[in-house]
Amino acid sequence: GILRYGSNDDQQALLIKAASQGMGH
């Protein structure tokens, strides 16, 4: 889940990782 607010010059970005394991990495 990626939440963003603001222009590309000064942006808030919040990420929640609720994905699968991603194998060995």
mmCIF file of all heavy atoms, coordinates in Angstrom:
data_MODEL
# 
_entry.id   MODEL 
# 
loop_
_atom_site.group_PDB 
_atom_site.id 
_atom_site.type_symbol 
_atom_site.label_atom_id 
_atom_site.label_alt_id 
_atom_site.label_comp_id 
_atom_site.label_asym_id 
_atom_site.label_entity_id 
_atom_site.label_seq_id 
_atom_site.pdbx_PDB_ins_code 
_atom_site.Cartn_x 
_atom_site.Cartn_y 
_atom_site.Cartn_z 
_atom_site.occupancy 
_atom_site.B_iso_or_equiv 
_atom_site.pdbx_formal_charge 
_atom_site.auth_seq_id 
_atom_site.auth_comp_id 
_atom_site.auth_asym_id 
_atom_site.auth_atom_id 
_atom_site.pdbx_PDB_model_num 
ATOM 1   N N   . GLY A 1 1  ? 0.835  -1.179  0.000   1.00 0.00 ? 1  GLY A N   1 
ATOM 2   C CA  . GLY A 1 1  ? 0.000  0.000   0.000   1.00 0.00 ? 1  GLY A CA  1 
ATOM 3   C C   . GLY A 1 1  ? 0.878  1.240   0.000   1.00 0.00 ? 1  GLY A C   1 
ATOM 4   O O   . GLY A 1 1  ? 1.685  1.421   0.910   1.00 0.00 ? 1  GLY A O   1 
ATOM 5   N N   . ILE A 1 2  ? 0.755  2.057   -1.030  1.00 0.00 ? 2  ILE A N   1 
ATOM 6   C CA  . ILE A 1 2  ? 1.578  3.263   -1.152  1.00 0.00 ? 2  ILE A CA  1 
ATOM 7   C C   . ILE A 1 2  ? 0.659  4.477   -1.139  1.00 0.00 ? 2  ILE A C   1 
ATOM 8   O O   . ILE A 1 2  ? -0.233 4.602   -1.985  1.00 0.00 ? 2  ILE A O   1 
ATOM 9   C CB  . ILE A 1 2  ? 2.420  3.251   -2.438  1.00 0.00 ? 2  ILE A CB  1 
ATOM 10  C CG1 . ILE A 1 2  ? 3.277  1.981   -2.505  1.00 0.00 ? 2  ILE A CG1 1 
ATOM 11  C CG2 . ILE A 1 2  ? 3.309  4.489   -2.510  1.00 0.00 ? 2  ILE A CG2 1 
ATOM 12  C CD1 . ILE A 1 2  ? 4.011  1.808   -3.816  1.00 0.00 ? 2  ILE A CD1 1 
ATOM 13  N N   . LEU A 1 3  ? 0.877  5.359   -0.180  1.00 0.00 ? 3  LEU A N   1 
ATOM 14  C CA  . LEU A 1 3  ? 0.095  6.580   -0.033  1.00 0.00 ? 3  LEU A CA  1 
ATOM 15  C C   . LEU A 1 3  ? 1.019  7.763   -0.298  1.00 0.00 ? 3  LEU A C   1 
ATOM 16  O O   . LEU A 1 3  ? 2.114  7.831   0.258   1.00 0.00 ? 3  LEU A O   1 
ATOM 17  C CB  . LEU A 1 3  ? -0.501 6.677   1.373   1.00 0.00 ? 3  LEU A CB  1 
ATOM 18  C CG  . LEU A 1 3  ? -1.220 5.420   1.897   1.00 0.00 ? 3  LEU A CG  1 
ATOM 19  C CD1 . LEU A 1 3  ? -1.724 5.656   3.318   1.00 0.00 ? 3  LEU A CD1 1 
ATOM 20  C CD2 . LEU A 1 3  ? -2.374 5.032   0.976   1.00 0.00 ? 3  LEU A CD2 1 
ATOM 21  N N   . ARG A 1 4  ? 0.568  8.707   -1.121  1.00 0.00 ? 4  ARG A N   1 
ATOM 22  C CA  . ARG A 1 4  ? 1.410  9.861   -1.484  1.00 0.00 ? 4  ARG A CA  1 
ATOM 23  C C   . ARG A 1 4  ? 0.595  11.148  -1.385  1.00 0.00 ? 4  ARG A C   1 
ATOM 24  O O   . ARG A 1 4  ? -0.606 11.175  -1.697  1.00 0.00 ? 4  ARG A O   1 
ATOM 25  C CB  . ARG A 1 4  ? 1.959  9.713   -2.909  1.00 0.00 ? 4  ARG A CB  1 
ATOM 26  C CG  . ARG A 1 4  ? 2.819  8.468   -3.145  1.00 0.00 ? 4  ARG A CG  1 
ATOM 27  C CD  . ARG A 1 4  ? 3.336  8.458   -4.577  1.00 0.00 ? 4  ARG A CD  1 
ATOM 28  N NE  . ARG A 1 4  ? 4.002  7.222   -4.950  1.00 0.00 ? 4  ARG A NE  1 
ATOM 29  C CZ  . ARG A 1 4  ? 5.330  7.028   -4.914  1.00 0.00 ? 4  ARG A CZ  1 
ATOM 30  N NH1 . ARG A 1 4  ? 6.113  8.003   -4.485  1.00 0.00 ? 4  ARG A NH1 1 
ATOM 31  N NH2 . ARG A 1 4  ? 5.862  5.888   -5.304  1.00 0.00 ? 4  ARG A NH2 1 
ATOM 32  N N   . TYR A 1 5  ? 1.288  12.204  -0.998  1.00 0.00 ? 5  TYR A N   1 
ATOM 33  C CA  . TYR A 1 5  ? 0.653  13.516  -0.951  1.00 0.00 ? 5  TYR A CA  1 
ATOM 34  C C   . TYR A 1 5  ? 1.698  14.566  -1.286  1.00 0.00 ? 5  TYR A C   1 
ATOM 35  O O   . TYR A 1 5  ? 2.807  14.544  -0.748  1.00 0.00 ? 5  TYR A O   1 
ATOM 36  C CB  . TYR A 1 5  ? 0.065  13.801  0.442   1.00 0.00 ? 5  TYR A CB  1 
ATOM 37  C CG  . TYR A 1 5  ? -0.678 15.119  0.517   1.00 0.00 ? 5  TYR A CG  1 
ATOM 38  C CD1 . TYR A 1 5  ? -2.036 15.189  0.252   1.00 0.00 ? 5  TYR A CD1 1 
ATOM 39  C CD2 . TYR A 1 5  ? -0.004 16.294  0.848   1.00 0.00 ? 5  TYR A CD2 1 
ATOM 40  C CE1 . TYR A 1 5  ? -2.730 16.392  0.312   1.00 0.00 ? 5  TYR A CE1 1 
ATOM 41  C CE2 . TYR A 1 5  ? -0.680 17.504  0.901   1.00 0.00 ? 5  TYR A CE2 1 
ATOM 42  C CZ  . TYR A 1 5  ? -2.044 17.552  0.633   1.00 0.00 ? 5  TYR A CZ  1 
ATOM 43  O OH  . TYR A 1 5  ? -2.709 18.752  0.691   1.00 0.00 ? 5  TYR A OH  1 
ATOM 44  N N   . GLY A 1 6  ? 1.313  15.502  -2.167  1.00 0.00 ? 6  GLY A N   1 
ATOM 45  C CA  . GLY A 1 6  ? 2.205  16.598  -2.503  1.00 0.00 ? 6  GLY A CA  1 
ATOM 46  C C   . GLY A 1 6  ? 2.848  16.420  -3.862  1.00 0.00 ? 6  GLY A C   1 
ATOM 47  O O   . GLY A 1 6  ? 2.737  15.381  -4.512  1.00 0.00 ? 6  GLY A O   1 
ATOM 48  N N   . SER A 1 7  ? 3.542  17.462  -4.293  1.00 0.00 ? 7  SER A N   1 
ATOM 49  C CA  . SER A 1 7  ? 4.196  17.461  -5.597  1.00 0.00 ? 7  SER A CA  1 
ATOM 50  C C   . SER A 1 7  ? 5.442  16.587  -5.572  1.00 0.00 ? 7  SER A C   1 
ATOM 51  O O   . SER A 1 7  ? 5.935  16.191  -4.506  1.00 0.00 ? 7  SER A O   1 
ATOM 52  C CB  . SER A 1 7  ? 4.595  18.888  -5.976  1.00 0.00 ? 7  SER A CB  1 
ATOM 53  O OG  . SER A 1 7  ? 5.636  19.345  -5.124  1.00 0.00 ? 7  SER A OG  1 
ATOM 54  N N   . ASN A 1 8  ? 5.975  16.319  -6.751  1.00 0.00 ? 8  ASN A N   1 
ATOM 55  C CA  . ASN A 1 8  ? 7.197  15.522  -6.831  1.00 0.00 ? 8  ASN A CA  1 
ATOM 56  C C   . ASN A 1 8  ? 8.391  16.227  -6.190  1.00 0.00 ? 8  ASN A C   1 
ATOM 57  O O   . ASN A 1 8  ? 9.397  15.595  -5.876  1.00 0.00 ? 8  ASN A O   1 
ATOM 58  C CB  . ASN A 1 8  ? 7.516  15.196  -8.291  1.00 0.00 ? 8  ASN A CB  1 
ATOM 59  C CG  . ASN A 1 8  ? 6.545  14.186  -8.874  1.00 0.00 ? 8  ASN A CG  1 
ATOM 60  O OD1 . ASN A 1 8  ? 5.609  13.742  -8.211  1.00 0.00 ? 8  ASN A OD1 1 
ATOM 61  N ND2 . ASN A 1 8  ? 6.752  13.814  -10.127 1.00 0.00 ? 8  ASN A ND2 1 
ATOM 62  N N   . ASP A 1 9  ? 8.295  17.540  -5.992  1.00 0.00 ? 9  ASP A N   1 
ATOM 63  C CA  . ASP A 1 9  ? 9.397  18.286  -5.380  1.00 0.00 ? 9  ASP A CA  1 
ATOM 64  C C   . ASP A 1 9  ? 9.434  18.131  -3.864  1.00 0.00 ? 9  ASP A C   1 
ATOM 65  O O   . ASP A 1 9  ? 10.491 18.273  -3.250  1.00 0.00 ? 9  ASP A O   1 
ATOM 66  C CB  . ASP A 1 9  ? 9.287  19.776  -5.729  1.00 0.00 ? 9  ASP A CB  1 
ATOM 67  C CG  . ASP A 1 9  ? 9.478  20.034  -7.213  1.00 0.00 ? 9  ASP A CG  1 
ATOM 68  O OD1 . ASP A 1 9  ? 10.236 19.270  -7.842  1.00 0.00 ? 9  ASP A OD1 1 
ATOM 69  O OD2 . ASP A 1 9  ? 8.865  20.973  -7.730  1.00 0.00 ? 9  ASP A OD2 1 
ATOM 70  N N   . ASP A 1 10 ? 8.286  17.883  -3.249  1.00 0.00 ? 10 ASP A N   1 
ATOM 71  C CA  . ASP A 1 10 ? 8.217  17.766  -1.784  1.00 0.00 ? 10 ASP A CA  1 
ATOM 72  C C   . ASP A 1 10 ? 7.029  16.884  -1.442  1.00 0.00 ? 10 ASP A C   1 
ATOM 73  O O   . ASP A 1 10 ? 5.940  17.357  -1.140  1.00 0.00 ? 10 ASP A O   1 
ATOM 74  C CB  . ASP A 1 10 ? 8.077  19.149  -1.140  1.00 0.00 ? 10 ASP A CB  1 
ATOM 75  C CG  . ASP A 1 10 ? 8.060  19.080  0.391   1.00 0.00 ? 10 ASP A CG  1 
ATOM 76  O OD1 . ASP A 1 10 ? 8.316  17.989  0.938   1.00 0.00 ? 10 ASP A OD1 1 
ATOM 77  O OD2 . ASP A 1 10 ? 7.776  20.115  1.021   1.00 0.00 ? 10 ASP A OD2 1 
ATOM 78  N N   . GLN A 1 11 ? 7.263  15.595  -1.495  1.00 0.00 ? 11 GLN A N   1 
ATOM 79  C CA  . GLN A 1 11 ? 6.166  14.643  -1.385  1.00 0.00 ? 11 GLN A CA  1 
ATOM 80  C C   . GLN A 1 11 ? 6.275  13.797  -0.119  1.00 0.00 ? 11 GLN A C   1 
ATOM 81  O O   . GLN A 1 11 ? 7.347  13.316  0.230   1.00 0.00 ? 11 GLN A O   1 
ATOM 82  C CB  . GLN A 1 11 ? 6.157  13.717  -2.600  1.00 0.00 ? 11 GLN A CB  1 
ATOM 83  C CG  . GLN A 1 11 ? 4.984  12.753  -2.635  1.00 0.00 ? 11 GLN A CG  1 
ATOM 84  C CD  . GLN A 1 11 ? 5.116  11.745  -3.762  1.00 0.00 ? 11 GLN A CD  1 
ATOM 85  O OE1 . GLN A 1 11 ? 5.699  10.682  -3.585  1.00 0.00 ? 11 GLN A OE1 1 
ATOM 86  N NE2 . GLN A 1 11 ? 4.582  12.091  -4.927  1.00 0.00 ? 11 GLN A NE2 1 
ATOM 87  N N   . GLN A 1 12 ? 5.137  13.627  0.531   1.00 0.00 ? 12 GLN A N   1 
ATOM 88  C CA  . GLN A 1 12 ? 5.035  12.615  1.577   1.00 0.00 ? 12 GLN A CA  1 
ATOM 89  C C   . GLN A 1 12 ? 4.724  11.278  0.909   1.00 0.00 ? 12 GLN A C   1 
ATOM 90  O O   . GLN A 1 12 ? 3.861  11.208  0.025   1.00 0.00 ? 12 GLN A O   1 
ATOM 91  C CB  . GLN A 1 12 ? 3.915  12.954  2.557   1.00 0.00 ? 12 GLN A CB  1 
ATOM 92  C CG  . GLN A 1 12 ? 4.195  14.128  3.471   1.00 0.00 ? 12 GLN A CG  1 
ATOM 93  C CD  . GLN A 1 12 ? 2.974  14.495  4.287   1.00 0.00 ? 12 GLN A CD  1 
ATOM 94  O OE1 . GLN A 1 12 ? 2.053  15.107  3.754   1.00 0.00 ? 12 GLN A OE1 1 
ATOM 95  N NE2 . GLN A 1 12 ? 2.952  14.120  5.548   1.00 0.00 ? 12 GLN A NE2 1 
ATOM 96  N N   . ALA A 1 13 ? 5.415  10.238  1.334   1.00 0.00 ? 13 ALA A N   1 
ATOM 97  C CA  . ALA A 1 13 ? 5.139  8.894   0.816   1.00 0.00 ? 13 ALA A CA  1 
ATOM 98  C C   . ALA A 1 13 ? 5.164  7.922   1.988   1.00 0.00 ? 13 ALA A C   1 
ATOM 99  O O   . ALA A 1 13 ? 6.131  7.874   2.755   1.00 0.00 ? 13 ALA A O   1 
ATOM 100 C CB  . ALA A 1 13 ? 6.172  8.482   -0.233  1.00 0.00 ? 13 ALA A CB  1 
ATOM 101 N N   . LEU A 1 14 ? 4.085  7.188   2.127   1.00 0.00 ? 14 LEU A N   1 
ATOM 102 C CA  . LEU A 1 14 ? 3.945  6.210   3.203   1.00 0.00 ? 14 LEU A CA  1 
ATOM 103 C C   . LEU A 1 14 ? 3.716  4.851   2.564   1.00 0.00 ? 14 LEU A C   1 
ATOM 104 O O   . LEU A 1 14 ? 2.826  4.705   1.712   1.00 0.00 ? 14 LEU A O   1 
ATOM 105 C CB  . LEU A 1 14 ? 2.765  6.597   4.094   1.00 0.00 ? 14 LEU A CB  1 
ATOM 106 C CG  . LEU A 1 14 ? 2.542  5.773   5.367   1.00 0.00 ? 14 LEU A CG  1 
ATOM 107 C CD1 . LEU A 1 14 ? 3.641  6.055   6.382   1.00 0.00 ? 14 LEU A CD1 1 
ATOM 108 C CD2 . LEU A 1 14 ? 1.176  6.093   5.974   1.00 0.00 ? 14 LEU A CD2 1 
ATOM 109 N N   . LEU A 1 15 ? 4.506  3.871   2.938   1.00 0.00 ? 15 LEU A N   1 
ATOM 110 C CA  . LEU A 1 15 ? 4.387  2.524   2.369   1.00 0.00 ? 15 LEU A CA  1 
ATOM 111 C C   . LEU A 1 15 ? 4.147  1.517   3.486   1.00 0.00 ? 15 LEU A C   1 
ATOM 112 O O   . LEU A 1 15 ? 4.838  1.543   4.512   1.00 0.00 ? 15 LEU A O   1 
ATOM 113 C CB  . LEU A 1 15 ? 5.650  2.140   1.591   1.00 0.00 ? 15 LEU A CB  1 
ATOM 114 C CG  . LEU A 1 15 ? 5.654  0.744   0.942   1.00 0.00 ? 15 LEU A CG  1 
ATOM 115 C CD1 . LEU A 1 15 ? 6.408  0.776   -0.388  1.00 0.00 ? 15 LEU A CD1 1 
ATOM 116 C CD2 . LEU A 1 15 ? 6.304  -0.311  1.846   1.00 0.00 ? 15 LEU A CD2 1 
ATOM 117 N N   . ILE A 1 16 ? 3.164  0.657   3.289   1.00 0.00 ? 16 ILE A N   1 
ATOM 118 C CA  . ILE A 1 16 ? 2.922  -0.476  4.179   1.00 0.00 ? 16 ILE A CA  1 
ATOM 119 C C   . ILE A 1 16 ? 3.181  -1.751  3.393   1.00 0.00 ? 16 ILE A C   1 
ATOM 120 O O   . ILE A 1 16 ? 2.578  -1.983  2.340   1.00 0.00 ? 16 ILE A O   1 
ATOM 121 C CB  . ILE A 1 16 ? 1.481  -0.479  4.725   1.00 0.00 ? 16 ILE A CB  1 
ATOM 122 C CG1 . ILE A 1 16 ? 1.222  0.778   5.547   1.00 0.00 ? 16 ILE A CG1 1 
ATOM 123 C CG2 . ILE A 1 16 ? 1.236  -1.732  5.566   1.00 0.00 ? 16 ILE A CG2 1 
ATOM 124 C CD1 . ILE A 1 16 ? 2.065  0.899   6.792   1.00 0.00 ? 16 ILE A CD1 1 
ATOM 125 N N   . LYS A 1 17 ? 4.089  -2.579  3.912   1.00 0.00 ? 17 LYS A N   1 
ATOM 126 C CA  . LYS A 1 17 ? 4.397  -3.841  3.238   1.00 0.00 ? 17 LYS A CA  1 
ATOM 127 C C   . LYS A 1 17 ? 3.510  -4.944  3.810   1.00 0.00 ? 17 LYS A C   1 
ATOM 128 O O   . LYS A 1 17 ? 3.687  -5.385  4.941   1.00 0.00 ? 17 LYS A O   1 
ATOM 129 C CB  . LYS A 1 17 ? 5.867  -4.213  3.426   1.00 0.00 ? 17 LYS A CB  1 
ATOM 130 C CG  . LYS A 1 17 ? 6.235  -5.485  2.663   1.00 0.00 ? 17 LYS A CG  1 
ATOM 131 C CD  . LYS A 1 17 ? 7.595  -5.997  3.038   1.00 0.00 ? 17 LYS A CD  1 
ATOM 132 C CE  . LYS A 1 17 ? 7.870  -7.318  2.326   1.00 0.00 ? 17 LYS A CE  1 
ATOM 133 N NZ  . LYS A 1 17 ? 9.062  -7.992  2.847   1.00 0.00 ? 17 LYS A NZ  1 
ATOM 134 N N   . ALA A 1 18 ? 2.575  -5.378  2.996   1.00 0.00 ? 18 ALA A N   1 
ATOM 135 C CA  . ALA A 1 18 ? 1.702  -6.491  3.374   1.00 0.00 ? 18 ALA A CA  1 
ATOM 136 C C   . ALA A 1 18 ? 1.734  -7.535  2.269   1.00 0.00 ? 18 ALA A C   1 
ATOM 137 O O   . ALA A 1 18 ? 0.715  -8.106  1.892   1.00 0.00 ? 18 ALA A O   1 
ATOM 138 C CB  . ALA A 1 18 ? 0.280  -5.990  3.610   1.00 0.00 ? 18 ALA A CB  1 
ATOM 139 N N   . ALA A 1 19 ? 2.922  -7.752  1.733   1.00 0.00 ? 19 ALA A N   1 
ATOM 140 C CA  . ALA A 1 19 ? 3.113  -8.658  0.598   1.00 0.00 ? 19 ALA A CA  1 
ATOM 141 C C   . ALA A 1 19 ? 3.564  -10.031 1.088   1.00 0.00 ? 19 ALA A C   1 
ATOM 142 O O   . ALA A 1 19 ? 3.780  -10.255 2.283   1.00 0.00 ? 19 ALA A O   1 
ATOM 143 C CB  . ALA A 1 19 ? 4.149  -8.064  -0.353  1.00 0.00 ? 19 ALA A CB  1 
ATOM 144 N N   . SER A 1 20 ? 3.744  -10.948 0.133   1.00 0.00 ? 20 SER A N   1 
ATOM 145 C CA  . SER A 1 20 ? 4.225  -12.285 0.464   1.00 0.00 ? 20 SER A CA  1 
ATOM 146 C C   . SER A 1 20 ? 5.707  -12.236 0.827   1.00 0.00 ? 20 SER A C   1 
ATOM 147 O O   . SER A 1 20 ? 6.341  -11.179 0.771   1.00 0.00 ? 20 SER A O   1 
ATOM 148 C CB  . SER A 1 20 ? 3.992  -13.237 -0.708  1.00 0.00 ? 20 SER A CB  1 
ATOM 149 O OG  . SER A 1 20 ? 4.724  -12.819 -1.845  1.00 0.00 ? 20 SER A OG  1 
ATOM 150 N N   . GLN A 1 21 ? 6.268  -13.369 1.176   1.00 0.00 ? 21 GLN A N   1 
ATOM 151 C CA  . GLN A 1 21 ? 7.629  -13.406 1.707   1.00 0.00 ? 21 GLN A CA  1 
ATOM 152 C C   . GLN A 1 21 ? 8.668  -12.905 0.722   1.00 0.00 ? 21 GLN A C   1 
ATOM 153 O O   . GLN A 1 21 ? 9.642  -12.282 1.100   1.00 0.00 ? 21 GLN A O   1 
ATOM 154 C CB  . GLN A 1 21 ? 7.983  -14.832 2.160   1.00 0.00 ? 21 GLN A CB  1 
ATOM 155 C CG  . GLN A 1 21 ? 9.378  -15.005 2.721   1.00 0.00 ? 21 GLN A CG  1 
ATOM 156 C CD  . GLN A 1 21 ? 9.612  -14.250 4.020   1.00 0.00 ? 21 GLN A CD  1 
ATOM 157 O OE1 . GLN A 1 21 ? 8.657  -13.816 4.658   1.00 0.00 ? 21 GLN A OE1 1 
ATOM 158 N NE2 . GLN A 1 21 ? 10.865 -14.093 4.418   1.00 0.00 ? 21 GLN A NE2 1 
ATOM 159 N N   . GLY A 1 22 ? 8.484  -13.165 -0.587  1.00 0.00 ? 22 GLY A N   1 
ATOM 160 C CA  . GLY A 1 22 ? 9.478  -12.729 -1.564  1.00 0.00 ? 22 GLY A CA  1 
ATOM 161 C C   . GLY A 1 22 ? 10.598 -13.736 -1.753  1.00 0.00 ? 22 GLY A C   1 
ATOM 162 O O   . GLY A 1 22 ? 11.732 -13.356 -2.055  1.00 0.00 ? 22 GLY A O   1 
ATOM 163 N N   . MET A 1 23 ? 10.287 -15.018 -1.528  1.00 0.00 ? 23 MET A N   1 
ATOM 164 C CA  . MET A 1 23 ? 11.254 -16.113 -1.709  1.00 0.00 ? 23 MET A CA  1 
ATOM 165 C C   . MET A 1 23 ? 12.508 -15.883 -0.856  1.00 0.00 ? 23 MET A C   1 
ATOM 166 O O   . MET A 1 23 ? 12.445 -15.278 0.212   1.00 0.00 ? 23 MET A O   1 
ATOM 167 C CB  . MET A 1 23 ? 11.559 -16.295 -3.194  1.00 0.00 ? 23 MET A CB  1 
ATOM 168 C CG  . MET A 1 23 ? 10.311 -16.623 -4.020  1.00 0.00 ? 23 MET A CG  1 
ATOM 169 S SD  . MET A 1 23 ? 10.628 -17.261 -5.683  1.00 0.00 ? 23 MET A SD  1 
ATOM 170 C CE  . MET A 1 23 ? 11.338 -15.843 -6.482  1.00 0.00 ? 23 MET A CE  1 
ATOM 171 N N   . GLY A 1 24 ? 13.660 -16.331 -1.337  1.00 0.00 ? 24 GLY A N   1 
ATOM 172 C CA  . GLY A 1 24 ? 14.868 -16.298 -0.520  1.00 0.00 ? 24 GLY A CA  1 
ATOM 173 C C   . GLY A 1 24 ? 15.372 -14.916 -0.184  1.00 0.00 ? 24 GLY A C   1 
ATOM 174 O O   . GLY A 1 24 ? 16.126 -14.738 0.773   1.00 0.00 ? 24 GLY A O   1 
ATOM 175 N N   . HIS A 1 25 ? 14.971 -13.916 -0.963  1.00 0.00 ? 25 HIS A N   1 
ATOM 176 C CA  . HIS A 1 25 ? 15.412 -12.552 -0.693  1.00 0.00 ? 25 HIS A CA  1 
ATOM 177 C C   . HIS A 1 25 ? 14.441 -11.794 0.219   1.00 0.00 ? 25 HIS A C   1 
ATOM 178 O O   . HIS A 1 25 ? 14.627 -10.608 0.466   1.00 0.00 ? 25 HIS A O   1 
ATOM 179 C CB  . HIS A 1 25 ? 15.599 -11.783 -2.003  1.00 0.00 ? 25 HIS A CB  1 
ATOM 180 C CG  . HIS A 1 25 ? 16.818 -12.198 -2.759  1.00 0.00 ? 25 HIS A CG  1 
ATOM 181 N ND1 . HIS A 1 25 ? 18.095 -12.038 -2.258  1.00 0.00 ? 25 HIS A ND1 1 
ATOM 182 C CD2 . HIS A 1 25 ? 16.956 -12.786 -3.975  1.00 0.00 ? 25 HIS A CD2 1 
ATOM 183 C CE1 . HIS A 1 25 ? 18.965 -12.500 -3.143  1.00 0.00 ? 25 HIS A CE1 1 
ATOM 184 N NE2 . HIS A 1 25 ? 18.311 -12.960 -4.186  1.00 0.00 ? 25 HIS A NE2 1 
# 
